[in-house]
Amino acid sequence: MALGPEDERRLAELAEQTRAADPHFALGLGTGDPHPPAEYRRPRRTGLRVALALTGFALAVFLFATGTPGGGFLAAVGAVLALATVGDGFAGTGD
């Protein structure tokens, strides 16, 4: 079923608005390599995330090594949080 002239005009207007509002998203649609719209993209601060994760993990291991009560638990939680943070920071860096 073919679109009428009014529908074609509306689609062209929508395409132009999308290109103007979010060129990265529009380019991805045009090339067949879609990127998330601007509302869903987060700024990446991978270096900061990695530094915070490693610092927290090092502190937890230090507490464990010095025999602080609950240090083993803190080290385990620190390791899990560090891995989750680093994994989340590197997810989707192929943009």
C-alpha atoms as a PDB file:
ATOM      1  CA  MET A   1       0.000   0.000   0.000  1.00  0.00           C
ATOM      2  CA  ALA A   2       1.521   3.283  -1.108  1.00  0.00           C
ATOM      3  CA  LEU A   3       1.498   6.397   1.048  1.00  0.00           C
ATOM      4  CA  GLY A   4      -0.440   9.433  -0.036  1.00  0.00           C
ATOM      5  CA  PRO A   5       1.192  12.805  -0.660  1.00  0.00           C
ATOM      6  CA  GLU A   6       0.167  14.093   2.786  1.00  0.00           C
ATOM      7  CA  ASP A   7       1.742  11.091   4.526  1.00  0.00           C
ATOM      8  CA  GLU A   8       4.928  11.459   2.448  1.00  0.00           C
ATOM      9  CA  ARG A   9       5.131  15.143   3.438  1.00  0.00           C
ATOM     10  CA  ARG A  10       4.671  14.298   7.126  1.00  0.00           C
ATOM     11  CA  LEU A  11       7.367  11.617   6.978  1.00  0.00           C
ATOM     12  CA  ALA A  12       9.770  14.035   5.285  1.00  0.00           C
ATOM     13  CA  GLU A  13       9.100  16.657   7.986  1.00  0.00           C
ATOM     14  CA  LEU A  14       9.630  14.083  10.725  1.00  0.00           C
ATOM     15  CA  ALA A  15      12.908  12.940   9.126  1.00  0.00           C
ATOM     16  CA  GLU A  16      14.148  16.541   8.904  1.00  0.00           C
ATOM     17  CA  GLN A  17      13.211  17.245  12.533  1.00  0.00           C
ATOM     18  CA  THR A  18      15.013  14.087  13.643  1.00  0.00           C
ATOM     19  CA  ARG A  19      18.133  15.024  11.637  1.00  0.00           C
ATOM     20  CA  ALA A  20      18.146  18.487  13.194  1.00  0.00           C
ATOM     21  CA  ALA A  21      17.454  17.354  16.769  1.00  0.00           C
ATOM     22  CA  ASP A  22      19.764  14.309  16.941  1.00  0.00           C
ATOM     23  CA  PRO A  23      22.128  13.932  13.964  1.00  0.00           C
ATOM     24  CA  HIS A  24      24.003  11.001  15.557  1.00  0.00           C
ATOM     25  CA  PHE A  25      20.792   8.993  15.875  1.00  0.00           C
ATOM     26  CA  ALA A  26      19.638   9.940  12.365  1.00  0.00           C
ATOM     27  CA  LEU A  27      22.990   9.003  10.837  1.00  0.00           C
ATOM     28  CA  GLY A  28      22.843   5.617  12.542  1.00  0.00           C
ATOM     29  CA  LEU A  29      19.385   4.972  11.124  1.00  0.00           C
ATOM     30  CA  GLY A  30      20.534   5.992   7.654  1.00  0.00           C
ATOM     31  CA  THR A  31      23.598   3.739   7.666  1.00  0.00           C
ATOM     32  CA  GLY A  32      21.861   0.739   9.215  1.00  0.00           C
ATOM     33  CA  ASP A  33      24.001   0.955  12.365  1.00  0.00           C
ATOM     34  CA  PRO A  34      21.492   2.353  14.862  1.00  0.00           C
ATOM     35  CA  HIS A  35      22.622   4.348  17.878  1.00  0.00           C
ATOM     36  CA  PRO A  36      20.474   5.124  20.899  1.00  0.00           C
ATOM     37  CA  PRO A  37      18.613   8.443  20.853  1.00  0.00           C
ATOM     38  CA  ALA A  38      20.084  11.321  22.851  1.00  0.00           C
ATOM     39  CA  GLU A  39      17.656  10.705  25.733  1.00  0.00           C
ATOM     40  CA  TYR A  40      19.168   7.266  26.307  1.00  0.00           C
ATOM     41  CA  ARG A  41      22.844   8.089  25.862  1.00  0.00           C
ATOM     42  CA  ARG A  42      24.851   8.666  29.013  1.00  0.00           C
ATOM     43  CA  PRO A  43      28.106  10.545  29.111  1.00  0.00           C
ATOM     44  CA  ARG A  44      30.913   8.103  29.643  1.00  0.00           C
ATOM     45  CA  ARG A  45      33.311   8.746  32.457  1.00  0.00           C
ATOM     46  CA  THR A  46      35.123   5.444  32.197  1.00  0.00           C
ATOM     47  CA  GLY A  47      38.424   6.689  33.613  1.00  0.00           C
ATOM     48  CA  LEU A  48      36.742   8.110  36.705  1.00  0.00           C
ATOM     49  CA  ARG A  49      34.698   4.954  37.212  1.00  0.00           C
ATOM     50  CA  VAL A  50      37.747   2.729  36.968  1.00  0.00           C
ATOM     51  CA  ALA A  51      39.726   4.923  39.378  1.00  0.00           C
ATOM     52  CA  LEU A  52      36.902   4.934  41.928  1.00  0.00           C
ATOM     53  CA  ALA A  53      36.371   1.197  41.602  1.00  0.00           C
ATOM     54  CA  LEU A  54      40.034   0.386  42.063  1.00  0.00           C
ATOM     55  CA  THR A  55      40.385   2.797  44.982  1.00  0.00           C
ATOM     56  CA  GLY A  56      37.384   1.272  46.745  1.00  0.00           C
ATOM     57  CA  PHE A  57      38.633  -2.223  46.104  1.00  0.00           C
ATOM     58  CA  ALA A  58      42.139  -1.363  47.370  1.00  0.00           C
ATOM     59  CA  LEU A  59      40.668   0.161  50.537  1.00  0.00           C
ATOM     60  CA  ALA A  60      38.549  -2.950  51.123  1.00  0.00           C
ATOM     61  CA  VAL A  61      41.544  -5.246  50.653  1.00  0.00           C
ATOM     62  CA  PHE A  62      43.601  -3.062  53.017  1.00  0.00           C
ATOM     63  CA  LEU A  63      40.882  -3.324  55.674  1.00  0.00           C
ATOM     64  CA  PHE A  64      40.793  -7.089  55.188  1.00  0.00           C
ATOM     65  CA  ALA A  65      44.597  -7.375  55.422  1.00  0.00           C
ATOM     66  CA  THR A  66      44.781  -5.326  58.632  1.00  0.00           C
ATOM     67  CA  GLY A  67      42.233  -7.548  60.324  1.00  0.00           C
ATOM     68  CA  THR A  68      39.487  -4.954  60.634  1.00  0.00           C
ATOM     69  CA  PRO A  69      36.245  -6.569  61.844  1.00  0.00           C
ATOM     70  CA  GLY A  70      34.088  -7.134  58.800  1.00  0.00           C
ATOM     71  CA  GLY A  71      37.062  -6.568  56.483  1.00  0.00           C
ATOM     72  CA  GLY A  72      36.494  -9.791  54.592  1.00  0.00           C
ATOM     73  CA  PHE A  73      32.899  -8.839  53.930  1.00  0.00           C
ATOM     74  CA  LEU A  74      33.964  -5.350  52.839  1.00  0.00           C
ATOM     75  CA  ALA A  75      36.608  -6.820  50.530  1.00  0.00           C
ATOM     76  CA  ALA A  76      34.046  -9.121  48.926  1.00  0.00           C
ATOM     77  CA  VAL A  77      31.539  -6.286  48.486  1.00  0.00           C
ATOM     78  CA  GLY A  78      34.306  -4.028  47.152  1.00  0.00           C
ATOM     79  CA  ALA A  79      35.343  -6.645  44.613  1.00  0.00           C
ATOM     80  CA  VAL A  80      31.790  -7.140  43.381  1.00  0.00           C
ATOM     81  CA  LEU A  81      31.137  -3.405  43.154  1.00  0.00           C
ATOM     82  CA  ALA A  82      34.461  -2.787  41.406  1.00  0.00           C
ATOM     83  CA  LEU A  83      33.738  -5.453  38.810  1.00  0.00           C
ATOM     84  CA  ALA A  84      30.194  -4.165  38.270  1.00  0.00           C
ATOM     85  CA  THR A  85      31.410  -0.591  37.904  1.00  0.00           C
ATOM     86  CA  VAL A  86      34.207  -1.452  35.522  1.00  0.00           C
ATOM     87  CA  GLY A  87      31.928  -3.742  33.504  1.00  0.00           C
ATOM     88  CA  ASP A  88      29.259  -1.039  33.250  1.00  0.00           C
ATOM     89  CA  GLY A  89      31.846   1.568  32.307  1.00  0.00           C
ATOM     90  CA  PHE A  90      33.115  -0.479  29.388  1.00  0.00           C
ATOM     91  CA  ALA A  91      29.721  -1.660  28.147  1.00  0.00           C
ATOM     92  CA  GLY A  92      28.861  -0.399  24.718  1.00  0.00           C
ATOM     93  CA  THR A  93      32.085   1.514  24.037  1.00  0.00           C
ATOM     94  CA  GLY A  94      31.863   0.467  20.401  1.00  0.00           C
ATOM     95  CA  ASP A  95      29.897   3.628  19.532  1.00  0.00           C
END
